[in-house]
Protein backbone atom coordinates (compact mmCIF):
# COMPACT_ATOMS: atom_id res chain seq x y z
CA UNK A 1 43.75 -65.20 -1.79
CA UNK A 2 41.47 -63.14 -3.97
CA UNK A 3 38.92 -65.29 -5.82
CA UNK A 4 36.70 -64.11 -8.64
CA UNK A 5 34.53 -65.04 -11.57
CA UNK A 6 34.93 -63.13 -14.80
CA UNK A 7 33.23 -62.99 -18.18
CA UNK A 8 29.73 -62.45 -19.56
CA UNK A 9 26.78 -62.95 -17.23
CA UNK A 10 25.85 -66.63 -17.19
CA UNK A 11 29.16 -67.71 -18.71
CA UNK A 12 31.63 -66.68 -16.01
CA UNK A 13 34.94 -68.45 -15.53
CA UNK A 14 36.89 -68.88 -12.27
CA UNK A 15 39.90 -66.69 -11.68
CA UNK A 16 42.55 -65.89 -9.11
CA UNK A 17 43.81 -62.35 -8.57
CA UNK A 18 47.55 -62.17 -7.95
CA UNK A 19 49.29 -58.80 -7.59
CA UNK A 20 46.36 -57.13 -9.30
CA UNK A 21 46.36 -59.46 -12.33
CA UNK A 22 43.49 -61.88 -13.02
CA UNK A 23 44.61 -65.42 -13.90
CA UNK A 24 42.17 -67.64 -15.80
CA UNK A 25 42.21 -70.96 -13.92
CA UNK A 26 39.29 -72.51 -15.79
CA UNK A 27 41.67 -74.82 -17.69
CA UNK A 28 43.25 -76.34 -14.61
CA UNK A 29 42.29 -79.78 -13.41
CA UNK A 30 42.33 -80.67 -9.76
CA UNK A 31 40.33 -81.56 -6.65
CA UNK A 32 38.49 -78.28 -6.50
CA UNK A 33 35.45 -76.42 -7.75
CA UNK A 34 35.33 -72.63 -8.17
CA UNK A 35 32.31 -72.39 -5.88
CA UNK A 36 33.74 -74.62 -3.13
CA UNK A 37 34.39 -72.20 -0.29
CA UNK A 38 34.91 -74.86 2.37
CA UNK A 39 38.30 -74.94 4.15
CA UNK A 40 39.25 -77.98 2.06
CA UNK A 41 38.17 -76.29 -1.15
CA UNK A 42 40.09 -73.13 -0.40
CA UNK A 43 43.17 -75.17 0.50
CA UNK A 44 42.92 -76.92 -2.87
CA UNK A 45 42.67 -73.58 -4.67
CA UNK A 46 45.73 -72.33 -2.79
CA UNK A 47 47.73 -75.23 -4.21
CA UNK A 48 46.91 -74.30 -7.81
CA UNK A 49 49.78 -73.02 -9.91
CA UNK A 50 47.76 -70.01 -11.02
CA UNK A 51 50.90 -68.14 -12.03
CA UNK A 52 51.17 -70.53 -15.00
CA UNK A 53 47.66 -69.64 -16.19
CA UNK A 54 46.78 -66.96 -18.75
CA UNK A 55 46.46 -63.40 -17.47
CA UNK A 56 43.22 -61.80 -18.67
CA UNK A 57 41.75 -58.31 -18.62
CA UNK A 58 38.11 -59.01 -17.87
CA UNK A 59 35.46 -56.48 -18.76
CA UNK A 60 33.19 -57.95 -16.12
CA UNK A 61 34.01 -59.71 -12.88
CA UNK A 62 32.64 -60.48 -9.44
CA UNK A 63 32.86 -62.87 -6.51
CA UNK A 64 32.14 -66.61 -6.88
CA UNK A 65 28.42 -66.43 -6.14
CA UNK A 66 26.69 -69.17 -8.08
CA UNK A 67 26.45 -71.36 -4.99
CA UNK A 68 24.57 -68.81 -2.87
CA UNK A 69 21.41 -70.18 -1.30
CA UNK A 70 20.52 -66.89 0.42
CA UNK A 71 21.56 -63.25 0.70
CA UNK A 72 21.02 -62.14 4.30
CA UNK A 73 21.18 -58.47 5.32
CA UNK A 74 21.44 -56.66 8.64
CA UNK A 75 19.67 -53.33 9.08
CA UNK A 76 20.62 -50.31 11.19
CA UNK A 77 23.89 -51.82 12.37
CA UNK A 78 25.66 -48.46 12.84
CA UNK A 79 24.24 -46.20 15.56
CA UNK A 80 24.97 -43.01 13.62
CA UNK A 81 23.14 -44.39 10.57
CA UNK A 82 20.14 -45.27 12.74
CA UNK A 83 20.18 -41.70 14.06
CA UNK A 84 20.19 -40.15 10.57
CA UNK A 85 17.25 -42.41 9.67
CA UNK A 86 15.38 -41.21 12.78
CA UNK A 87 15.30 -44.71 14.26
CA UNK A 88 16.32 -46.12 17.63
CA UNK A 89 19.42 -48.35 17.48
CA UNK A 90 18.22 -51.96 17.67
CA UNK A 91 18.72 -54.12 20.73
CA UNK A 92 19.32 -57.17 18.53
CA UNK A 93 20.23 -57.51 14.83
CA UNK A 94 17.52 -56.61 12.31
CA UNK A 95 17.50 -59.41 9.74
CA UNK A 96 16.00 -59.30 6.25
CA UNK A 97 16.65 -61.05 2.95
CA UNK A 98 17.68 -59.67 -0.40
CA UNK A 99 16.54 -61.67 -3.44
CA UNK A 100 19.28 -63.74 -5.07
CA UNK A 101 18.14 -62.29 -8.41
CA UNK A 102 19.43 -58.92 -7.15
CA UNK A 103 23.01 -60.21 -7.27
CA UNK A 104 25.17 -58.78 -10.03
CA UNK A 105 28.75 -57.83 -10.81
CA UNK A 106 30.48 -54.96 -9.01
CA UNK A 107 30.49 -52.69 -12.06
CA UNK A 108 27.20 -53.75 -13.63
CA UNK A 109 24.69 -50.94 -14.21
CA UNK A 110 21.88 -50.50 -11.68
CA UNK A 111 18.45 -50.50 -13.36
CA UNK A 112 16.15 -47.80 -12.01
CA UNK A 113 13.15 -49.74 -10.63
CA UNK A 114 9.74 -49.37 -12.24
CA UNK A 115 7.64 -47.11 -10.03
CA UNK A 116 10.63 -46.05 -7.97
CA UNK A 117 11.32 -42.49 -6.85
CA UNK A 118 13.79 -42.68 -3.93
CA UNK A 119 16.73 -44.81 -5.04
CA UNK A 120 19.45 -44.89 -2.38
CA UNK A 121 22.95 -46.27 -1.74
CA UNK A 122 24.58 -48.18 1.13
CA UNK A 123 28.22 -49.32 1.13
CA UNK A 124 28.56 -52.47 3.25
CA UNK A 125 30.97 -55.19 4.27
CA UNK A 126 29.70 -58.55 3.01
CA UNK A 127 30.60 -61.79 4.78
CA UNK A 128 30.73 -65.00 2.72
CA UNK A 129 30.14 -68.26 4.58
CA UNK A 130 32.63 -71.08 3.97
CA UNK A 131 31.16 -74.00 5.88
CA UNK A 132 27.76 -74.93 7.24
CA UNK A 133 26.84 -72.86 10.28
CA UNK A 134 23.95 -73.84 12.53
CA UNK A 135 23.66 -72.53 16.10
CA UNK A 136 27.34 -71.58 16.20
CA UNK A 137 28.80 -69.65 19.11
CA UNK A 138 30.32 -66.19 18.75
CA UNK A 139 33.68 -67.66 19.70
CA UNK A 140 33.48 -70.12 16.80
CA UNK A 141 31.62 -67.94 14.29
CA UNK A 142 34.56 -66.55 12.31
CA UNK A 143 35.87 -70.06 11.64
CA UNK A 144 32.79 -70.51 9.43
CA UNK A 145 33.66 -67.50 7.27
CA UNK A 146 35.37 -68.07 3.91
CA UNK A 147 36.06 -64.41 3.28
CA UNK A 148 34.80 -60.89 2.71
CA UNK A 149 33.85 -58.58 -0.13
CA UNK A 150 32.28 -55.22 -0.94
CA UNK A 151 28.57 -54.81 -1.55
CA UNK A 152 26.20 -51.93 -2.21
CA UNK A 153 22.86 -52.53 -0.51
CA UNK A 154 20.95 -50.55 -3.14
CA UNK A 155 17.56 -49.54 -1.72
CA UNK A 156 14.36 -48.09 -3.12
CA UNK A 157 13.09 -46.16 -0.11
CA UNK A 158 9.68 -45.51 -1.62
CA UNK A 159 9.04 -49.27 -1.63
CA UNK A 160 10.77 -49.90 1.70
CA UNK A 161 9.23 -47.18 3.82
CA UNK A 162 5.69 -46.65 2.58
CA UNK A 163 4.60 -50.15 3.58
CA UNK A 164 7.48 -51.35 5.76
CA UNK A 165 8.39 -54.07 3.25
CA UNK A 166 12.16 -54.07 3.45
CA UNK A 167 12.54 -57.11 1.16
CA UNK A 168 10.53 -55.33 -1.54
CA UNK A 169 12.65 -52.20 -1.29
CA UNK A 170 15.95 -54.08 -1.23
CA UNK A 171 15.48 -56.96 -3.66
CA UNK A 172 15.06 -55.44 -7.13
CA UNK A 173 17.27 -56.58 -9.99
CA UNK A 174 20.77 -55.13 -9.72
CA UNK A 175 20.37 -54.19 -6.05
CA UNK A 176 23.11 -56.57 -4.83
CA UNK A 177 26.46 -55.99 -6.56
CA UNK A 178 29.21 -58.17 -5.05
CA UNK A 179 32.94 -57.94 -5.59
CA UNK A 180 35.19 -57.23 -7.37
CA UNK A 181 36.55 -60.34 -5.67
CA UNK A 182 36.29 -62.45 -2.56
CA UNK A 183 39.22 -61.89 -0.17
CA UNK A 184 39.75 -64.99 1.95
CA UNK A 185 39.53 -64.64 5.72
CA UNK A 186 43.25 -65.23 6.27
CA UNK A 187 43.91 -61.85 4.62
CA UNK A 188 41.41 -60.07 6.91
CA UNK A 189 42.60 -60.76 10.46
CA UNK A 190 40.15 -58.25 11.96
CA UNK A 191 36.89 -57.56 10.10
CA UNK A 192 36.19 -54.80 12.64
CA UNK A 193 39.10 -52.68 11.41
CA UNK A 194 38.09 -51.86 7.83
CA UNK A 195 37.40 -48.42 6.37
CA UNK A 196 34.43 -47.95 4.01
CA UNK A 197 33.62 -45.12 1.59
CA UNK A 198 31.11 -44.22 -1.13
CA UNK A 199 30.97 -41.41 -3.70
CA UNK A 200 28.07 -40.22 -5.85
CA UNK A 201 29.10 -38.38 -9.02
CA UNK A 202 32.55 -37.84 -7.50
CA UNK A 203 31.28 -36.40 -4.21
CA UNK A 204 32.09 -38.27 -1.02
CA UNK A 205 28.83 -39.24 0.71
CA UNK A 206 29.83 -42.04 3.09
CA UNK A 207 32.94 -42.52 5.19
CA UNK A 208 32.98 -45.06 7.98
CA UNK A 209 34.71 -47.92 9.71
CA UNK A 210 33.50 -51.37 10.67
CA UNK A 211 34.84 -50.63 14.15
CA UNK A 212 31.61 -48.72 14.86
CA UNK A 213 29.23 -51.59 14.10
CA UNK A 214 26.66 -52.15 16.83
CA UNK A 215 26.85 -55.92 16.28
CA UNK A 216 30.26 -57.17 15.06
CA UNK A 217 30.66 -59.85 12.40
CA UNK A 218 31.12 -62.73 14.85
CA UNK A 219 27.94 -61.83 16.70
CA UNK A 220 26.00 -61.44 13.44
CA UNK A 221 27.05 -64.85 12.10
CA UNK A 222 26.24 -66.51 15.40
CA UNK A 223 22.87 -64.74 15.69
CA UNK A 224 21.71 -65.50 12.15
CA UNK A 225 22.78 -69.14 12.46
CA UNK A 226 20.29 -69.55 15.31
CA UNK A 227 17.36 -68.88 12.98
CA UNK A 228 18.53 -70.33 9.66
CA UNK A 229 21.25 -72.70 8.59
CA UNK A 230 23.97 -70.81 6.76
CA UNK A 231 25.36 -72.71 3.79
CA UNK A 232 28.74 -72.36 2.05
CA UNK A 233 28.51 -69.42 -0.34
CA UNK A 234 25.77 -67.62 1.57
CA UNK A 235 26.29 -63.87 1.93
CA UNK A 236 25.57 -61.62 4.90
CA UNK A 237 25.63 -57.84 4.34
CA UNK A 238 26.46 -56.27 7.69
CA UNK A 239 24.93 -52.78 7.56
CA UNK A 240 26.03 -49.33 6.44
CA UNK A 241 27.64 -46.30 8.07
CA UNK A 242 25.97 -42.85 7.92
CA UNK A 243 25.70 -40.77 4.77
CA UNK A 244 22.91 -42.47 2.84
CA UNK A 245 20.71 -40.37 0.58
CA UNK A 246 17.63 -40.37 2.77
CA UNK A 247 19.70 -38.99 5.67
CA UNK A 248 21.09 -35.95 3.84
CA UNK A 249 20.35 -32.53 5.34
CA UNK A 250 18.52 -30.27 4.85
CA UNK A 251 16.81 -32.47 2.22
CA UNK A 252 17.21 -36.10 1.18
CA UNK A 253 19.16 -36.81 -2.02
CA UNK A 254 18.26 -39.76 -4.23
CA UNK A 255 19.79 -41.34 -7.31
CA UNK A 256 18.53 -40.82 -10.85
CA UNK A 257 19.46 -42.30 -14.23
CA UNK A 258 22.91 -41.13 -15.28
CA UNK A 259 24.29 -40.91 -11.75
CA UNK A 260 27.47 -42.85 -10.98
CA UNK A 261 28.09 -44.53 -7.63
CA UNK A 262 31.62 -45.59 -6.64
CA UNK A 263 32.41 -47.38 -3.38
CA UNK A 264 35.03 -49.49 -1.70
CA UNK A 265 36.52 -51.04 1.41
CA UNK A 266 40.21 -51.00 2.26
CA UNK A 267 41.85 -54.19 1.00
CA UNK A 268 38.66 -55.54 -0.54
CA UNK A 269 38.53 -53.51 -3.75
CA UNK A 270 36.08 -51.04 -5.21
CA UNK A 271 32.89 -50.94 -7.29
CA UNK A 272 31.34 -48.59 -9.83
CA UNK A 273 27.69 -48.55 -10.91
CA UNK A 274 25.87 -46.27 -13.30
CA UNK A 275 22.14 -45.81 -12.74
CA UNK A 276 20.30 -46.63 -15.96
CA UNK A 277 16.67 -46.42 -17.07
CA UNK A 278 14.98 -49.80 -17.27
CA UNK A 279 13.99 -50.82 -20.79
């Protein structure tokens, strides 16, 4: 299944995507909630007769994210990205948090941060937790995953690097677009076999595959669950392949107002963000 919310920010409705069409299921009654990503909740959604619901053409959509208690990120999870950043590949996952207020729709504009000067891009596979995970084993980790989606780990390198405050450089408003939908785990049999890409102003900047992750999804979920309880709806961004702006040669390339970033992952959809000046 492909699950989504659509509509104006703060007034989103639940939808199901079937053969590329978005069905408005907000009028259905049944034993489910749009933010219930537990196995029982997803099974209830699967029983809905969404085909009988109105087909809409939403101007704005994204994954069901209102239930997120935290947005966890993993840094330097591709060895070739660590190399372009001039950093040693980590011996264990690097964990940081992105502010929930950074979350936005997949095609929402990205506000240029006040005081920023080195705005960067990072296409990433995002994992959405479906049931409580605490100290889970790697063997059992994927059973706690509801599904997957695309995210752009937008980063202001001037904030991140000058003082080493990753949360500060990663958590600005609009720095966490999710979607266009959540693809349930049954449609992604191997999260380590997905191709990723990102373009800036029509030029391909990133091409990669989740097969080259240093720490695969199962290991990441297990590792993070040792240090914090993962709740249904929580998101884990799993790192980016090479090709980010700060790694460009001979000189880094950073985003500016008016630039357009497009990105996607095979089977999970695509995003488009325009960089805009903050009012």
